[in-house]
Amino acid sequence: MQQFVRYARLTGIPLEDILDRELWSIVQSSATRETVPAHAMVDIMQICAIMANRPEIGVAFASWCNLNGYGPLSLLWGHCPTVGETIRVSNRFLHLESDALGVRSIETEDEIALVQFVTIPTRFGGSQFVEATLSLQVRILRLVLGADWSPVRVEFDHPPPGNLNLHRTFFRCPTVFGADRSAVVIRREEMKHPNPNGNAHLLAYLERQLAATMRPSVRDFVRQVEELVAAHLAGGQATLERTAAPLRLGGRSLQRRLAAHGMTFSDVITNVRLRVAREYFALEAQPNLSELAHRLGYGEASAASRFLRRHMDSGVRAQILRGKAIRAQL
């Protein structure tokens, strides 16, 4: 947040004029507080993109920011011995920087997709925040792979901005919008690429020190489950067994763990679907029910329609009008 405030001032974005009282108060308090609400950074970037006519602000900010300004993560990145270790460490300690972002690596024979997604409710969508964090991921990888390195491709699950010049200049690879996910896709063999400045022993020491100071939250487990569901929801892949496997649990054990938090797996699926649906209507100028159904994990558009009426108390037309109203507020 502190870096973004400096960026806004340098680029002439009048935060005090375009933010509401709540968000402006958070901006002011960020100068002295160690943390701010997770939604604030997501909402502020989205508002700035529209109110300041800066549809590329996520990529632009990530291109500008100081990689040494991310606390413990900055220190860890410099000592990772390989690309794979850089990704592992980022995923493990990401929550120290933001509770708004979830990550997941999806492997195929030749490629690895580094998937990122917003894990919290947002007021106006999270596309700019995700563009910023994926751009930051590319900069971190270039620390090891070299400044001239480019991904295989970059995918975004939202519509493209009107001008893609900055995206093309920064990523230097095919950039796909309207995808099922938001991800940086790299070559599998790049995971083993060595970092000439890496120090495995120092990295292990720093990880132990950080791990010793981490205090598990009662929400940690539910949050993990929500992230796994969000990563696999599109196309109907977020099954109970598939979600339980990365947690080293069986399906019944996962249900029991969730029950201890007063939830069921069905509750988690519903919560994630609600978040996906709200963001979809907030971002899409021309929503398509079949596309939404796919993103919600349904095979039929009619199932998505029933979900909207049951859990959002209205049908597609009402949600389209709501999305228009949200965009009109900006």
Protein backbone atom coordinates (compact mmCIF):
# COMPACT_ATOMS: atom_id res chain seq x y z
CA MET A 1 0.00 0.00 0.00
CA GLN A 2 2.78 2.42 0.87
CA GLN A 3 4.45 1.81 -2.49
CA PHE A 4 1.19 2.30 -4.36
CA VAL A 5 0.50 5.59 -2.59
CA ARG A 6 3.92 6.86 -3.70
CA TYR A 7 3.27 5.63 -7.23
CA ALA A 8 -0.09 7.41 -7.34
CA ARG A 9 1.48 10.69 -6.25
CA LEU A 10 4.29 10.43 -8.79
CA THR A 11 1.89 9.70 -11.65
CA GLY A 12 -0.68 12.34 -10.73
CA ILE A 13 -3.51 10.12 -9.45
CA PRO A 14 -5.45 12.15 -6.82
CA LEU A 15 -6.36 9.38 -4.39
CA GLU A 16 -8.00 11.80 -1.97
CA ASP A 17 -10.44 12.88 -4.69
CA ILE A 18 -11.42 9.54 -6.17
CA LEU A 19 -11.60 7.29 -3.08
CA ASP A 20 -14.50 7.19 -0.65
CA ARG A 21 -14.07 8.06 3.01
CA GLU A 22 -13.35 4.49 4.13
CA LEU A 23 -10.64 3.79 1.56
CA TRP A 24 -9.05 7.21 1.93
CA SER A 25 -8.89 6.67 5.69
CA ILE A 26 -7.09 3.36 5.08
CA VAL A 27 -4.62 5.07 2.74
CA GLN A 28 -3.85 7.70 5.38
CA SER A 29 -3.38 5.12 8.12
CA SER A 30 -1.07 2.98 5.98
CA ALA A 31 1.80 5.38 6.64
CA THR A 32 2.04 4.20 10.25
CA ARG A 33 0.26 0.83 10.41
CA GLU A 34 1.87 -2.54 9.79
CA THR A 35 -1.21 -3.93 8.07
CA VAL A 36 -4.32 -2.69 6.28
CA PRO A 37 -7.50 -4.62 5.37
CA ALA A 38 -6.82 -7.07 2.56
CA HIS A 39 -9.63 -5.75 0.36
CA ALA A 40 -8.28 -2.19 0.37
CA MET A 41 -5.43 -2.72 -2.08
CA VAL A 42 -7.68 -4.67 -4.43
CA ASP A 43 -10.49 -2.11 -4.39
CA ILE A 44 -8.21 0.93 -4.64
CA MET A 45 -6.37 -0.38 -7.70
CA GLN A 46 -9.67 -1.20 -9.42
CA ILE A 47 -11.11 2.25 -8.69
CA CYS A 48 -7.94 4.01 -9.89
CA ALA A 49 -8.00 2.06 -13.15
CA ILE A 50 -11.44 3.45 -13.99
CA MET A 51 -11.57 6.85 -12.31
CA ALA A 52 -8.08 7.87 -13.44
CA ASN A 53 -8.52 6.21 -16.86
CA ARG A 54 -5.55 3.94 -16.22
CA PRO A 55 -6.66 0.48 -17.45
CA GLU A 56 -3.02 -0.66 -17.41
CA ILE A 57 -2.34 0.47 -13.84
CA GLY A 58 -1.75 -3.02 -12.45
CA VAL A 59 1.07 -3.79 -14.87
CA ALA A 60 2.42 -0.23 -14.69
CA PHE A 61 2.62 -0.24 -10.89
CA ALA A 62 4.30 -3.66 -10.79
CA SER A 63 6.83 -2.48 -13.38
CA TRP A 64 7.66 0.54 -11.22
CA CYS A 65 7.64 -0.83 -7.67
CA ASN A 66 10.74 -1.69 -5.66
CA LEU A 67 11.18 -5.46 -5.25
CA ASN A 68 13.05 -4.79 -2.01
CA GLY A 69 9.92 -3.28 -0.51
CA TYR A 70 8.09 -6.52 0.24
CA GLY A 71 9.41 -7.27 3.70
CA PRO A 72 10.61 -10.81 4.47
CA LEU A 73 9.69 -12.01 0.97
CA SER A 74 12.23 -9.65 -0.58
CA LEU A 75 14.98 -11.15 1.55
CA LEU A 76 13.94 -14.72 0.75
CA TRP A 77 13.81 -14.16 -3.03
CA GLY A 78 17.44 -13.11 -3.14
CA HIS A 79 18.67 -16.34 -1.53
CA CYS A 80 16.59 -18.94 -3.41
CA PRO A 81 18.97 -21.31 -5.26
CA THR A 82 16.61 -22.12 -8.16
CA VAL A 83 13.49 -20.88 -9.90
CA GLY A 84 11.53 -23.72 -8.31
CA GLU A 85 12.62 -22.65 -4.83
CA THR A 86 11.69 -19.04 -5.61
CA ILE A 87 8.17 -20.14 -6.49
CA ARG A 88 7.88 -22.45 -3.48
CA VAL A 89 8.99 -19.76 -1.05
CA SER A 90 6.69 -17.16 -2.59
CA ASN A 91 3.73 -19.51 -2.27
CA ARG A 92 4.56 -20.49 1.31
CA PHE A 93 4.98 -16.99 2.69
CA LEU A 94 2.66 -15.01 0.40
CA HIS A 95 0.23 -14.42 3.27
CA LEU A 96 2.85 -12.24 4.97
CA GLU A 97 2.31 -9.69 2.20
CA SER A 98 -1.37 -10.18 1.31
CA ASP A 99 -4.37 -12.18 2.46
CA ALA A 100 -6.19 -11.22 -0.73
CA LEU A 101 -4.30 -13.54 -3.07
CA GLY A 102 -4.32 -17.28 -3.61
CA VAL A 103 -1.80 -19.22 -5.69
CA ARG A 104 -1.66 -22.66 -7.27
CA SER A 105 0.83 -24.40 -9.59
CA ILE A 106 -0.69 -26.61 -12.29
CA GLU A 107 1.73 -28.91 -14.10
CA THR A 108 1.53 -30.45 -17.56
CA GLU A 109 4.15 -32.43 -19.45
CA ASP A 110 6.13 -29.42 -20.67
CA GLU A 111 4.71 -26.43 -18.81
CA ILE A 112 3.86 -25.17 -15.35
CA ALA A 113 1.09 -22.62 -14.89
CA LEU A 114 1.56 -20.32 -11.89
CA VAL A 115 -2.09 -19.50 -11.20
CA GLN A 116 -3.18 -16.56 -9.07
CA PHE A 117 -6.66 -15.53 -7.95
CA VAL A 118 -8.35 -13.15 -5.53
CA THR A 119 -9.59 -14.98 -2.44
CA ILE A 120 -11.69 -12.28 -0.76
CA PRO A 121 -14.90 -10.43 -1.63
CA THR A 122 -14.27 -7.25 -3.60
CA ARG A 123 -16.42 -4.24 -4.35
CA PHE A 124 -15.54 -3.77 -8.01
CA GLY A 125 -13.58 -6.86 -9.06
CA GLY A 126 -9.90 -7.69 -8.72
CA SER A 127 -8.53 -7.69 -12.27
CA GLN A 128 -6.00 -4.90 -11.70
CA PHE A 129 -4.70 -6.48 -8.51
CA VAL A 130 -4.18 -9.80 -10.30
CA GLU A 131 -2.47 -8.09 -13.24
CA ALA A 132 -0.14 -6.41 -10.76
CA THR A 133 0.70 -9.60 -8.86
CA LEU A 134 1.28 -11.63 -12.04
CA SER A 135 3.54 -8.86 -13.35
CA LEU A 136 5.39 -8.92 -10.05
CA GLN A 137 5.78 -12.69 -10.43
CA VAL A 138 7.42 -12.16 -13.82
CA ARG A 139 9.84 -9.60 -12.35
CA ILE A 140 10.79 -12.02 -9.56
CA LEU A 141 11.45 -14.80 -12.08
CA ARG A 142 13.61 -12.44 -14.13
CA LEU A 143 15.82 -11.99 -11.08
CA VAL A 144 16.92 -15.61 -11.66
CA LEU A 145 16.29 -16.18 -15.36
CA GLY A 146 17.63 -12.84 -16.57
CA ALA A 147 16.11 -9.55 -17.66
CA ASP A 148 15.55 -10.81 -21.21
CA TRP A 149 13.49 -13.84 -20.11
CA SER A 150 9.84 -14.12 -21.13
CA PRO A 151 7.13 -16.61 -20.12
CA VAL A 152 5.57 -19.08 -22.55
CA ARG A 153 2.40 -17.01 -22.24
CA VAL A 154 0.36 -15.04 -19.73
CA GLU A 155 -3.37 -15.68 -19.22
CA PHE A 156 -6.02 -13.45 -17.65
CA ASP A 157 -9.58 -14.45 -16.79
CA HIS A 158 -10.99 -10.98 -17.50
CA PRO A 159 -11.56 -8.87 -20.64
CA PRO A 160 -8.63 -7.00 -22.24
CA PRO A 161 -8.07 -3.26 -21.86
CA GLY A 162 -8.46 -1.09 -24.93
CA ASN A 163 -4.71 -0.69 -25.36
CA LEU A 164 -2.31 -3.62 -24.90
CA ASN A 165 0.95 -1.81 -25.65
CA LEU A 166 2.23 -1.93 -22.07
CA HIS A 167 1.28 -5.58 -21.64
CA ARG A 168 3.13 -6.53 -24.83
CA THR A 169 6.19 -4.48 -23.87
CA PHE A 170 6.36 -5.86 -20.35
CA PHE A 171 5.54 -9.55 -20.84
CA ARG A 172 7.07 -10.00 -24.33
CA CYS A 173 5.01 -13.16 -24.93
CA PRO A 174 1.49 -14.13 -26.05
CA THR A 175 -1.09 -12.60 -23.69
CA VAL A 176 -4.50 -14.27 -23.53
CA PHE A 177 -7.57 -12.53 -22.08
CA GLY A 178 -10.91 -14.15 -21.24
CA ALA A 179 -9.16 -17.36 -20.16
CA ASP A 180 -10.37 -19.81 -17.48
CA ARG A 181 -7.63 -18.62 -15.13
CA SER A 182 -5.06 -15.92 -14.53
CA ALA A 183 -1.57 -17.38 -14.76
CA VAL A 184 2.03 -17.03 -15.83
CA VAL A 185 3.00 -20.13 -17.81
CA ILE A 186 6.65 -21.17 -17.78
CA ARG A 187 8.66 -24.06 -19.22
CA ARG A 188 9.05 -27.05 -16.92
CA GLU A 189 12.83 -27.17 -17.36
CA GLU A 190 13.11 -23.57 -16.10
CA MET A 191 12.18 -24.73 -12.59
CA LYS A 192 15.71 -26.11 -12.16
CA HIS A 193 17.46 -23.00 -13.47
CA PRO A 194 20.07 -21.96 -10.85
CA ASN A 195 20.25 -18.59 -9.18
CA PRO A 196 23.91 -17.49 -9.20
CA ASN A 197 23.30 -15.51 -6.01
CA GLY A 198 21.30 -18.22 -4.24
CA ASN A 199 22.29 -19.57 -0.83
CA ALA A 200 20.36 -22.69 0.19
CA HIS A 201 21.73 -22.76 3.74
CA LEU A 202 20.85 -19.15 4.44
CA LEU A 203 17.45 -19.61 2.85
CA ALA A 204 16.72 -22.58 5.14
CA TYR A 205 17.77 -20.55 8.18
CA LEU A 206 15.55 -17.60 7.19
CA GLU A 207 12.59 -19.92 6.56
CA ARG A 208 12.96 -21.49 10.01
CA GLN A 209 13.04 -18.05 11.62
CA LEU A 210 9.93 -16.93 9.76
CA ALA A 211 8.06 -20.17 10.42
CA ALA A 212 8.77 -19.83 14.15
CA THR A 213 7.05 -16.43 14.23
CA MET A 214 3.97 -17.45 12.24
CA ARG A 215 0.80 -17.84 14.26
CA PRO A 216 -1.80 -20.12 12.67
CA SER A 217 -5.25 -18.56 12.43
CA VAL A 218 -8.47 -20.45 12.94
CA ARG A 219 -9.30 -19.34 9.40
CA ASP A 220 -6.14 -20.82 7.88
CA PHE A 221 -7.62 -24.22 7.09
CA VAL A 222 -10.88 -22.90 5.60
CA ARG A 223 -8.89 -20.38 3.58
CA GLN A 224 -6.70 -23.18 2.19
CA VAL A 225 -9.78 -25.12 1.13
CA GLU A 226 -11.30 -22.03 -0.48
CA GLU A 227 -8.10 -21.40 -2.45
CA LEU A 228 -8.01 -24.97 -3.72
CA VAL A 229 -11.66 -24.78 -4.76
CA ALA A 230 -11.12 -21.45 -6.53
CA ALA A 231 -8.13 -22.87 -8.39
CA HIS A 232 -10.13 -25.80 -9.77
CA LEU A 233 -13.67 -24.45 -9.97
CA ALA A 234 -13.80 -23.68 -13.71
CA GLY A 235 -14.90 -26.70 -15.70
CA GLY A 236 -16.19 -28.58 -12.66
CA GLN A 237 -12.80 -29.76 -11.36
CA ALA A 238 -13.28 -28.72 -7.71
CA THR A 239 -14.41 -32.07 -6.36
CA LEU A 240 -14.17 -33.14 -2.73
CA GLU A 241 -11.42 -35.68 -3.38
CA ARG A 242 -9.41 -33.37 -5.65
CA THR A 243 -9.54 -30.63 -3.01
CA ALA A 244 -8.61 -32.99 -0.19
CA ALA A 245 -5.57 -34.54 -1.93
CA PRO A 246 -3.15 -31.53 -1.69
CA LEU A 247 -4.06 -31.26 2.01
CA ARG A 248 -3.09 -34.92 2.47
CA LEU A 249 -6.61 -35.76 3.58
CA GLY A 250 -9.35 -38.05 2.42
CA GLY A 251 -12.74 -36.70 1.52
CA ARG A 252 -14.34 -37.67 4.82
CA SER A 253 -11.47 -36.21 6.81
CA LEU A 254 -11.81 -32.94 4.93
CA GLN A 255 -15.52 -32.83 5.73
CA ARG A 256 -14.79 -33.44 9.43
CA ARG A 257 -12.18 -30.67 9.52
CA LEU A 258 -14.61 -28.26 7.88
CA ALA A 259 -17.36 -29.31 10.30
CA ALA A 260 -15.08 -28.27 13.17
CA HIS A 261 -15.26 -24.76 11.69
CA GLY A 262 -19.02 -24.95 11.31
CA MET A 263 -18.90 -25.46 7.55
CA THR A 264 -19.43 -28.13 4.90
CA PHE A 265 -17.64 -28.58 1.59
CA SER A 266 -20.84 -27.48 -0.11
CA ASP A 267 -20.70 -24.22 1.87
CA VAL A 268 -17.18 -23.57 0.59
CA ILE A 269 -18.20 -24.26 -3.02
CA THR A 270 -21.14 -21.86 -2.67
CA ASN A 271 -19.01 -19.09 -1.14
CA VAL A 272 -16.43 -19.33 -3.90
CA ARG A 273 -19.10 -19.42 -6.60
CA LEU A 274 -20.73 -16.30 -5.16
CA ARG A 275 -17.41 -14.46 -5.27
CA VAL A 276 -16.73 -15.57 -8.85
CA ALA A 277 -20.24 -14.62 -10.02
CA ARG A 278 -20.17 -11.17 -8.43
CA GLU A 279 -16.80 -10.36 -9.93
CA TYR A 280 -17.87 -11.68 -13.34
CA PHE A 281 -20.89 -9.39 -13.54
CA ALA A 282 -18.91 -6.44 -12.20
CA LEU A 283 -16.23 -6.80 -14.90
CA GLU A 284 -18.03 -8.13 -17.97
CA ALA A 285 -19.80 -5.51 -20.08
CA GLN A 286 -21.50 -8.30 -22.08
CA PRO A 287 -21.96 -11.27 -19.74
CA ASN A 288 -22.56 -14.71 -21.24
CA LEU A 289 -24.44 -17.26 -19.14
CA SER A 290 -22.67 -20.24 -20.72
CA GLU A 291 -19.27 -18.74 -19.94
CA LEU A 292 -20.34 -17.98 -16.38
CA ALA A 293 -21.60 -21.56 -15.99
CA HIS A 294 -18.17 -22.87 -17.00
CA ARG A 295 -16.44 -20.59 -14.51
CA LEU A 296 -18.80 -21.70 -11.76
CA GLY A 297 -18.09 -25.36 -12.51
CA TYR A 298 -21.42 -26.19 -14.15
CA GLY A 299 -21.88 -28.07 -17.39
CA GLU A 300 -25.16 -26.35 -18.29
CA ALA A 301 -26.15 -22.68 -18.40
CA SER A 302 -29.44 -23.57 -16.72
CA ALA A 303 -27.56 -24.73 -13.62
CA ALA A 304 -25.83 -21.35 -13.35
CA SER A 305 -29.20 -19.63 -13.72
CA ARG A 306 -30.64 -21.69 -10.87
CA PHE A 307 -27.61 -20.86 -8.72
CA LEU A 308 -28.11 -17.12 -9.27
CA ARG A 309 -31.78 -17.30 -8.33
CA ARG A 310 -31.20 -19.48 -5.28
CA HIS A 311 -28.13 -17.78 -3.80
CA MET A 312 -28.24 -14.25 -5.24
CA ASP A 313 -32.04 -13.82 -5.20
CA SER A 314 -32.22 -12.76 -8.86
CA GLY A 315 -31.65 -13.94 -12.40
CA VAL A 316 -29.15 -12.98 -15.08
CA ARG A 317 -30.85 -9.77 -16.15
CA ALA A 318 -30.90 -8.40 -12.62
CA GLN A 319 -27.24 -9.27 -12.15
CA ILE A 320 -26.34 -7.55 -15.44
CA LEU A 321 -28.13 -4.42 -14.23
CA ARG A 322 -26.33 -4.67 -10.91
CA GLY A 323 -22.99 -4.93 -12.71
CA LYS A 324 -23.84 -1.85 -14.77
CA ALA A 325 -24.74 0.00 -11.58
CA ILE A 326 -21.41 -0.94 -9.99
CA ARG A 327 -19.49 0.31 -13.02
CA ALA A 328 -21.62 3.47 -13.03
CA GLN A 329 -20.57 4.18 -9.43
CA LEU A 330 -17.04 4.48 -10.71
